[in-house]
Amino acid sequence: MKKDEDKSTTPQITKDTLITTAMEKCPEALGIFFEHGLHCVGCGGAAFETIEQGCQVHGMSEAEIEGIVEEINSAMKKKKK
């Protein structure tokens, strides 16, 4: 990390984050996944698939994937306040 980067603005969750890791770091992610038709908690692949891989299996676009990631990071920021 560069010296001038602020850790609070660096996303903690990316499209390369494992689905289970996202849910562990942000329990609200489960609801966000459900809202988008991703029922990841019941899927055995959740421990091995990234958010991007899980979304791609469901035919989601790159923009939809980034939107989900942004929602999860926003939920995490709100929780910290």
PDB file of N, CA and C in Angstrom:
ATOM      1  N   MET A   1       0.838  -1.180   0.000  1.00  0.00           N
ATOM      2  CA  MET A   1       0.000   0.000   0.000  1.00  0.00           C
ATOM      3  C   MET A   1       0.882   1.242   0.000  1.00  0.00           C
ATOM      4  N   LYS A   2       0.545   2.165  -0.848  1.00  0.00           N
ATOM      5  CA  LYS A   2       1.293   3.418  -0.907  1.00  0.00           C
ATOM      6  C   LYS A   2       1.051   4.219   0.363  1.00  0.00           C
ATOM      7  N   LYS A   3       2.031   5.058   0.709  1.00  0.00           N
ATOM      8  CA  LYS A   3       1.926   5.851   1.925  1.00  0.00           C
ATOM      9  C   LYS A   3       0.708   6.760   1.926  1.00  0.00           C
ATOM     10  N   ASP A   4       0.338   7.296   0.760  1.00  0.00           N
ATOM     11  CA  ASP A   4      -0.745   8.262   0.720  1.00  0.00           C
ATOM     12  C   ASP A   4      -2.123   7.612   0.589  1.00  0.00           C
ATOM     13  N   GLU A   5      -2.194   6.279   0.521  1.00  0.00           N
ATOM     14  CA  GLU A   5      -3.485   5.606   0.441  1.00  0.00           C
ATOM     15  C   GLU A   5      -4.113   5.544   1.817  1.00  0.00           C
ATOM     16  N   ASP A   6      -5.385   5.820   1.867  1.00  0.00           N
ATOM     17  CA  ASP A   6      -6.132   5.752   3.116  1.00  0.00           C
ATOM     18  C   ASP A   6      -6.789   4.378   3.183  1.00  0.00           C
ATOM     19  N   LYS A   7      -6.494   3.619   4.220  1.00  0.00           N
ATOM     20  CA  LYS A   7      -7.046   2.274   4.357  1.00  0.00           C
ATOM     21  C   LYS A   7      -8.572   2.283   4.354  1.00  0.00           C
ATOM     22  N   SER A   8      -9.184   3.329   4.859  1.00  0.00           N
ATOM     23  CA  SER A   8     -10.639   3.379   4.941  1.00  0.00           C
ATOM     24  C   SER A   8     -11.292   3.516   3.565  1.00  0.00           C
ATOM     25  N   THR A   9     -10.544   3.965   2.563  1.00  0.00           N
ATOM     26  CA  THR A   9     -11.118   4.095   1.230  1.00  0.00           C
ATOM     27  C   THR A   9     -10.757   2.908   0.340  1.00  0.00           C
ATOM     28  N   THR A  10      -9.872   2.051   0.804  1.00  0.00           N
ATOM     29  CA  THR A  10      -9.509   0.870   0.052  1.00  0.00           C
ATOM     30  C   THR A  10     -10.591  -0.180   0.269  1.00  0.00           C
ATOM     31  N   PRO A  11     -11.229  -0.668  -0.807  1.00  0.00           N
ATOM     32  CA  PRO A  11     -12.294  -1.666  -0.619  1.00  0.00           C
ATOM     33  C   PRO A  11     -11.758  -2.915   0.081  1.00  0.00           C
ATOM     34  N   GLN A  12     -12.497  -3.385   1.050  1.00  0.00           N
ATOM     35  CA  GLN A  12     -12.091  -4.591   1.752  1.00  0.00           C
ATOM     36  C   GLN A  12     -12.548  -5.835   0.997  1.00  0.00           C
ATOM     37  N   ILE A  13     -13.602  -5.699   0.235  1.00  0.00           N
ATOM     38  CA  ILE A  13     -14.146  -6.804  -0.546  1.00  0.00           C
ATOM     39  C   ILE A  13     -13.968  -6.457  -2.015  1.00  0.00           C
ATOM     40  N   THR A  14     -13.480  -7.417  -2.785  1.00  0.00           N
ATOM     41  CA  THR A  14     -13.344  -7.230  -4.233  1.00  0.00           C
ATOM     42  C   THR A  14     -14.045  -8.389  -4.924  1.00  0.00           C
ATOM     43  N   LYS A  15     -14.110  -8.325  -6.230  1.00  0.00           N
ATOM     44  CA  LYS A  15     -14.735  -9.422  -6.977  1.00  0.00           C
ATOM     45  C   LYS A  15     -13.929 -10.708  -6.851  1.00  0.00           C
ATOM     46  N   ASP A  16     -12.692 -10.610  -6.400  1.00  0.00           N
ATOM     47  CA  ASP A  16     -11.825 -11.774  -6.222  1.00  0.00           C
ATOM     48  C   ASP A  16     -11.903 -12.362  -4.808  1.00  0.00           C
ATOM     49  N   THR A  17     -12.732 -11.779  -3.956  1.00  0.00           N
ATOM     50  CA  THR A  17     -12.917 -12.276  -2.596  1.00  0.00           C
ATOM     51  C   THR A  17     -13.773 -13.538  -2.641  1.00  0.00           C
ATOM     52  N   LEU A  18     -13.388 -14.542  -1.867  1.00  0.00           N
ATOM     53  CA  LEU A  18     -14.219 -15.741  -1.774  1.00  0.00           C
ATOM     54  C   LEU A  18     -15.586 -15.371  -1.199  1.00  0.00           C
ATOM     55  N   ILE A  19     -16.617 -16.037  -1.662  1.00  0.00           N
ATOM     56  CA  ILE A  19     -17.979 -15.746  -1.209  1.00  0.00           C
ATOM     57  C   ILE A  19     -18.084 -15.911   0.307  1.00  0.00           C
ATOM     58  N   THR A  20     -17.547 -16.991   0.853  1.00  0.00           N
ATOM     59  CA  THR A  20     -17.629 -17.207   2.300  1.00  0.00           C
ATOM     60  C   THR A  20     -16.853 -16.142   3.076  1.00  0.00           C
ATOM     61  N   THR A  21     -15.746 -15.698   2.537  1.00  0.00           N
ATOM     62  CA  THR A  21     -14.966 -14.645   3.192  1.00  0.00           C
ATOM     63  C   THR A  21     -15.772 -13.356   3.238  1.00  0.00           C
ATOM     64  N   ALA A  22     -16.466 -13.040   2.149  1.00  0.00           N
ATOM     65  CA  ALA A  22     -17.300 -11.831   2.112  1.00  0.00           C
ATOM     66  C   ALA A  22     -18.382 -11.901   3.186  1.00  0.00           C
ATOM     67  N   MET A  23     -18.999 -13.079   3.335  1.00  0.00           N
ATOM     68  CA  MET A  23     -20.060 -13.230   4.333  1.00  0.00           C
ATOM     69  C   MET A  23     -19.507 -13.197   5.752  1.00  0.00           C
ATOM     70  N   GLU A  24     -18.285 -13.687   5.951  1.00  0.00           N
ATOM     71  CA  GLU A  24     -17.662 -13.633   7.279  1.00  0.00           C
ATOM     72  C   GLU A  24     -17.313 -12.199   7.656  1.00  0.00           C
ATOM     73  N   LYS A  25     -16.766 -11.448   6.703  1.00  0.00           N
ATOM     74  CA  LYS A  25     -16.366 -10.062   6.978  1.00  0.00           C
ATOM     75  C   LYS A  25     -17.566  -9.132   7.072  1.00  0.00           C
ATOM     76  N   CYS A  26     -18.619  -9.474   6.335  1.00  0.00           N
ATOM     77  CA  CYS A  26     -19.795  -8.611   6.270  1.00  0.00           C
ATOM     78  C   CYS A  26     -21.045  -9.483   6.237  1.00  0.00           C
ATOM     79  N   PRO A  27     -21.628  -9.786   7.397  1.00  0.00           N
ATOM     80  CA  PRO A  27     -22.827 -10.622   7.423  1.00  0.00           C
ATOM     81  C   PRO A  27     -23.971 -10.084   6.552  1.00  0.00           C
ATOM     82  N   GLU A  28     -23.989  -8.765   6.341  1.00  0.00           N
ATOM     83  CA  GLU A  28     -25.012  -8.165   5.482  1.00  0.00           C
ATOM     84  C   GLU A  28     -24.873  -8.624   4.032  1.00  0.00           C
ATOM     85  N   ALA A  29     -23.711  -9.142   3.677  1.00  0.00           N
ATOM     86  CA  ALA A  29     -23.488  -9.629   2.313  1.00  0.00           C
ATOM     87  C   ALA A  29     -24.475 -10.735   1.953  1.00  0.00           C
ATOM     88  N   LEU A  30     -24.861 -11.527   2.936  1.00  0.00           N
ATOM     89  CA  LEU A  30     -25.811 -12.605   2.680  1.00  0.00           C
ATOM     90  C   LEU A  30     -27.114 -12.040   2.114  1.00  0.00           C
ATOM     91  N   GLY A  31     -27.635 -10.995   2.740  1.00  0.00           N
ATOM     92  CA  GLY A  31     -28.859 -10.353   2.253  1.00  0.00           C
ATOM     93  C   GLY A  31     -28.672  -9.737   0.873  1.00  0.00           C
ATOM     94  N   ILE A  32     -27.505  -9.156   0.656  1.00  0.00           N
ATOM     95  CA  ILE A  32     -27.204  -8.552  -0.648  1.00  0.00           C
ATOM     96  C   ILE A  32     -27.163  -9.633  -1.715  1.00  0.00           C
ATOM     97  N   PHE A  33     -26.518 -10.757  -1.419  1.00  0.00           N
ATOM     98  CA  PHE A  33     -26.494 -11.863  -2.373  1.00  0.00           C
ATOM     99  C   PHE A  33     -27.918 -12.340  -2.668  1.00  0.00           C
ATOM    100  N   PHE A  34     -28.743 -12.513  -1.620  1.00  0.00           N
ATOM    101  CA  PHE A  34     -30.125 -12.958  -1.808  1.00  0.00           C
ATOM    102  C   PHE A  34     -30.909 -11.996  -2.695  1.00  0.00           C
ATOM    103  N   GLU A  35     -30.740 -10.690  -2.461  1.00  0.00           N
ATOM    104  CA  GLU A  35     -31.452  -9.679  -3.255  1.00  0.00           C
ATOM    105  C   GLU A  35     -31.149  -9.802  -4.746  1.00  0.00           C
ATOM    106  N   HIS A  36     -29.984 -10.318  -5.057  1.00  0.00           N
ATOM    107  CA  HIS A  36     -29.564 -10.448  -6.451  1.00  0.00           C
ATOM    108  C   HIS A  36     -29.750 -11.880  -6.980  1.00  0.00           C
ATOM    109  N   GLY A  37     -30.464 -12.704  -6.217  1.00  0.00           N
ATOM    110  CA  GLY A  37     -30.750 -14.059  -6.659  1.00  0.00           C
ATOM    111  C   GLY A  37     -29.620 -15.047  -6.454  1.00  0.00           C
ATOM    112  N   LEU A  38     -28.667 -14.681  -5.621  1.00  0.00           N
ATOM    113  CA  LEU A  38     -27.531 -15.558  -5.334  1.00  0.00           C
ATOM    114  C   LEU A  38     -27.747 -16.187  -3.958  1.00  0.00           C
ATOM    115  N   HIS A  39     -28.028 -17.455  -3.933  1.00  0.00           N
ATOM    116  CA  HIS A  39     -28.296 -18.141  -2.671  1.00  0.00           C
ATOM    117  C   HIS A  39     -27.053 -18.920  -2.251  1.00  0.00           C
ATOM    118  N   CYS A  40     -25.989 -18.176  -2.112  1.00  0.00           N
ATOM    119  CA  CYS A  40     -24.642 -18.712  -1.927  1.00  0.00           C
ATOM    120  C   CYS A  40     -24.446 -19.491  -0.643  1.00  0.00           C
ATOM    121  N   VAL A  41     -25.168 -19.145   0.397  1.00  0.00           N
ATOM    122  CA  VAL A  41     -24.937 -19.787   1.682  1.00  0.00           C
ATOM    123  C   VAL A  41     -25.193 -21.292   1.603  1.00  0.00           C
ATOM    124  N   GLY A  42     -26.073 -21.723   0.740  1.00  0.00           N
ATOM    125  CA  GLY A  42     -26.379 -23.141   0.613  1.00  0.00           C
ATOM    126  C   GLY A  42     -25.544 -23.868  -0.423  1.00  0.00           C
ATOM    127  N   CYS A  43     -24.644 -23.173  -1.057  1.00  0.00           N
ATOM    128  CA  CYS A  43     -23.849 -23.746  -2.145  1.00  0.00           C
ATOM    129  C   CYS A  43     -22.488 -24.205  -1.616  1.00  0.00           C
ATOM    130  N   GLY A  44     -22.133 -25.441  -1.933  1.00  0.00           N
ATOM    131  CA  GLY A  44     -20.833 -25.952  -1.510  1.00  0.00           C
ATOM    132  C   GLY A  44     -19.672 -25.222  -2.147  1.00  0.00           C
ATOM    133  N   GLY A  45     -19.912 -24.600  -3.296  1.00  0.00           N
ATOM    134  CA  GLY A  45     -18.854 -23.878  -3.989  1.00  0.00           C
ATOM    135  C   GLY A  45     -18.511 -22.541  -3.364  1.00  0.00           C
ATOM    136  N   ALA A  46     -19.340 -22.073  -2.435  1.00  0.00           N
ATOM    137  CA  ALA A  46     -19.129 -20.747  -1.835  1.00  0.00           C
ATOM    138  C   ALA A  46     -17.778 -20.630  -1.140  1.00  0.00           C
ATOM    139  N   ALA A  47     -17.257 -21.745  -0.664  1.00  0.00           N
ATOM    140  CA  ALA A  47     -15.962 -21.716   0.026  1.00  0.00           C
ATOM    141  C   ALA A  47     -14.796 -21.696  -0.953  1.00  0.00           C
ATOM    142  N   PHE A  48     -15.088 -21.968  -2.219  1.00  0.00           N
ATOM    143  CA  PHE A  48     -14.028 -22.070  -3.218  1.00  0.00           C
ATOM    144  C   PHE A  48     -14.172 -21.077  -4.365  1.00  0.00           C
ATOM    145  N   GLU A  49     -15.369 -20.481  -4.498  1.00  0.00           N
ATOM    146  CA  GLU A  49     -15.620 -19.551  -5.597  1.00  0.00           C
ATOM    147  C   GLU A  49     -15.497 -18.114  -5.118  1.00  0.00           C
ATOM    148  N   THR A  50     -14.985 -17.278  -6.008  1.00  0.00           N
ATOM    149  CA  THR A  50     -14.956 -15.849  -5.734  1.00  0.00           C
ATOM    150  C   THR A  50     -16.335 -15.272  -6.035  1.00  0.00           C
ATOM    151  N   ILE A  51     -16.555 -14.043  -5.612  1.00  0.00           N
ATOM    152  CA  ILE A  51     -17.816 -13.375  -5.925  1.00  0.00           C
ATOM    153  C   ILE A  51     -18.002 -13.339  -7.440  1.00  0.00           C
ATOM    154  N   GLU A  52     -16.938 -13.010  -8.147  1.00  0.00           N
ATOM    155  CA  GLU A  52     -17.020 -12.934  -9.610  1.00  0.00           C
ATOM    156  C   GLU A  52     -17.413 -14.283 -10.211  1.00  0.00           C
ATOM    157  N   GLN A  53     -16.788 -15.350  -9.769  1.00  0.00           N
ATOM    158  CA  GLN A  53     -17.095 -16.676 -10.316  1.00  0.00           C
ATOM    159  C   GLN A  53     -18.540 -17.065 -10.026  1.00  0.00           C
ATOM    160  N   GLY A  54     -18.993 -16.815  -8.806  1.00  0.00           N
ATOM    161  CA  GLY A  54     -20.370 -17.142  -8.443  1.00  0.00           C
ATOM    162  C   GLY A  54     -21.373 -16.358  -9.267  1.00  0.00           C
ATOM    163  N   CYS A  55     -21.097 -15.093  -9.485  1.00  0.00           N
ATOM    164  CA  CYS A  55     -21.989 -14.246 -10.283  1.00  0.00           C
ATOM    165  C   CYS A  55     -21.981 -14.666 -11.748  1.00  0.00           C
ATOM    166  N   GLN A  56     -20.822 -15.021 -12.256  1.00  0.00           N
ATOM    167  CA  GLN A  56     -20.720 -15.436 -13.657  1.00  0.00           C
ATOM    168  C   GLN A  56     -21.523 -16.705 -13.914  1.00  0.00           C
ATOM    169  N   VAL A  57     -21.552 -17.617 -12.952  1.00  0.00           N
ATOM    170  CA  VAL A  57     -22.336 -18.840 -13.085  1.00  0.00           C
ATOM    171  C   VAL A  57     -23.816 -18.496 -13.266  1.00  0.00           C
ATOM    172  N   HIS A  58     -24.226 -17.384 -12.679  1.00  0.00           N
ATOM    173  CA  HIS A  58     -25.616 -16.940 -12.779  1.00  0.00           C
ATOM    174  C   HIS A  58     -25.822 -15.960 -13.933  1.00  0.00           C
ATOM    175  N   GLY A  59     -24.834 -15.840 -14.807  1.00  0.00           N
ATOM    176  CA  GLY A  59     -24.968 -15.026 -16.012  1.00  0.00           C
ATOM    177  C   GLY A  59     -24.918 -13.529 -15.802  1.00  0.00           C
ATOM    178  N   MET A  60     -24.318 -13.094 -14.715  1.00  0.00           N
ATOM    179  CA  MET A  60     -24.262 -11.657 -14.426  1.00  0.00           C
ATOM    180  C   MET A  60     -23.140 -10.978 -15.201  1.00  0.00           C
ATOM    181  N   SER A  61     -23.386  -9.730 -15.541  1.00  0.00           N
ATOM    182  CA  SER A  61     -22.401  -8.928 -16.258  1.00  0.00           C
ATOM    183  C   SER A  61     -21.354  -8.387 -15.294  1.00  0.00           C
ATOM    184  N   GLU A  62     -20.280  -7.880 -15.857  1.00  0.00           N
ATOM    185  CA  GLU A  62     -19.216  -7.265 -15.050  1.00  0.00           C
ATOM    186  C   GLU A  62     -19.774  -6.091 -14.244  1.00  0.00           C
ATOM    187  N   ALA A  63     -20.670  -5.321 -14.843  1.00  0.00           N
ATOM    188  CA  ALA A  63     -21.269  -4.174 -14.150  1.00  0.00           C
ATOM    189  C   ALA A  63     -22.115  -4.633 -12.967  1.00  0.00           C
ATOM    190  N   GLU A  64     -22.856  -5.720 -13.132  1.00  0.00           N
ATOM    191  CA  GLU A  64     -23.665  -6.245 -12.027  1.00  0.00           C
ATOM    192  C   GLU A  64     -22.774  -6.747 -10.896  1.00  0.00           C
ATOM    193  N   ILE A  65     -21.686  -7.408 -11.256  1.00  0.00           N
ATOM    194  CA  ILE A  65     -20.743  -7.919 -10.262  1.00  0.00           C
ATOM    195  C   ILE A  65     -20.143  -6.763  -9.474  1.00  0.00           C
ATOM    196  N   GLU A  66     -19.695  -5.734 -10.169  1.00  0.00           N
ATOM    197  CA  GLU A  66     -19.110  -4.567  -9.491  1.00  0.00           C
ATOM    198  C   GLU A  66     -20.145  -3.896  -8.594  1.00  0.00           C
ATOM    199  N   GLY A  67     -21.403  -3.873  -9.024  1.00  0.00           N
ATOM    200  CA  GLY A  67     -22.470  -3.287  -8.216  1.00  0.00           C
ATOM    201  C   GLY A  67     -22.659  -4.033  -6.905  1.00  0.00           C
ATOM    202  N   ILE A  68     -22.626  -5.353  -6.968  1.00  0.00           N
ATOM    203  CA  ILE A  68     -22.767  -6.169  -5.767  1.00  0.00           C
ATOM    204  C   ILE A  68     -21.592  -5.915  -4.821  1.00  0.00           C
ATOM    205  N   VAL A  69     -20.398  -5.874  -5.365  1.00  0.00           N
ATOM    206  CA  VAL A  69     -19.201  -5.618  -4.552  1.00  0.00           C
ATOM    207  C   VAL A  69     -19.310  -4.248  -3.883  1.00  0.00           C
ATOM    208  N   GLU A  70     -19.767  -3.250  -4.626  1.00  0.00           N
ATOM    209  CA  GLU A  70     -19.929  -1.909  -4.059  1.00  0.00           C
ATOM    210  C   GLU A  70     -20.955  -1.911  -2.929  1.00  0.00           C
ATOM    211  N   GLU A  71     -22.059  -2.639  -3.118  1.00  0.00           N
ATOM    212  CA  GLU A  71     -23.082  -2.717  -2.073  1.00  0.00           C
ATOM    213  C   GLU A  71     -22.512  -3.327  -0.787  1.00  0.00           C
ATOM    214  N   ILE A  72     -21.722  -4.377  -0.942  1.00  0.00           N
ATOM    215  CA  ILE A  72     -21.138  -5.029   0.233  1.00  0.00           C
ATOM    216  C   ILE A  72     -20.179  -4.075   0.941  1.00  0.00           C
ATOM    217  N   ASN A  73     -19.326  -3.397   0.187  1.00  0.00           N
ATOM    218  CA  ASN A  73     -18.391  -2.444   0.799  1.00  0.00           C
ATOM    219  C   ASN A  73     -19.128  -1.285   1.457  1.00  0.00           C
ATOM    220  N   SER A  74     -20.217  -0.829   0.863  1.00  0.00           N
ATOM    221  CA  SER A  74     -21.022   0.244   1.473  1.00  0.00           C
ATOM    222  C   SER A  74     -21.624  -0.231   2.782  1.00  0.00           C
ATOM    223  N   ALA A  75     -22.112  -1.460   2.814  1.00  0.00           N
ATOM    224  CA  ALA A  75     -22.678  -2.015   4.044  1.00  0.00           C
ATOM    225  C   ALA A  75     -21.622  -2.086   5.144  1.00  0.00           C
ATOM    226  N   MET A  76     -20.401  -2.434   4.759  1.00  0.00           N
ATOM    227  CA  MET A  76     -19.316  -2.507   5.741  1.00  0.00           C
ATOM    228  C   MET A  76     -18.973  -1.132   6.283  1.00  0.00           C
ATOM    229  N   LYS A  77     -18.971  -0.118   5.414  1.00  0.00           N
ATOM    230  CA  LYS A  77     -18.679   1.249   5.869  1.00  0.00           C
ATOM    231  C   LYS A  77     -19.740   1.742   6.825  1.00  0.00           C
ATOM    232  N   LYS A  78     -21.018   1.463   6.521  1.00  0.00           N
ATOM    233  CA  LYS A  78     -22.107   1.901   7.384  1.00  0.00           C
ATOM    234  C   LYS A  78     -22.010   1.258   8.754  1.00  0.00           C
ATOM    235  N   LYS A  79     -21.603   0.010   8.770  1.00  0.00           N
ATOM    236  CA  LYS A  79     -21.496  -0.723  10.022  1.00  0.00           C
ATOM    237  C   LYS A  79     -20.402  -0.143  10.918  1.00  0.00           C
ATOM    238  N   LYS A  80     -19.322   0.375  10.305  1.00  0.00           N
ATOM    239  CA  LYS A  80     -18.209   0.932  11.068  1.00  0.00           C
ATOM    240  C   LYS A  80     -18.552   2.256  11.721  1.00  0.00           C
ATOM    241  N   LYS A  81     -19.544   2.960  11.196  1.00  0.00           N
ATOM    242  CA  LYS A  81     -19.881   4.289  11.722  1.00  0.00           C
ATOM    243  C   LYS A  81     -20.585   4.212  13.036  1.00  0.00           C
TER     244      LYS A  81
END
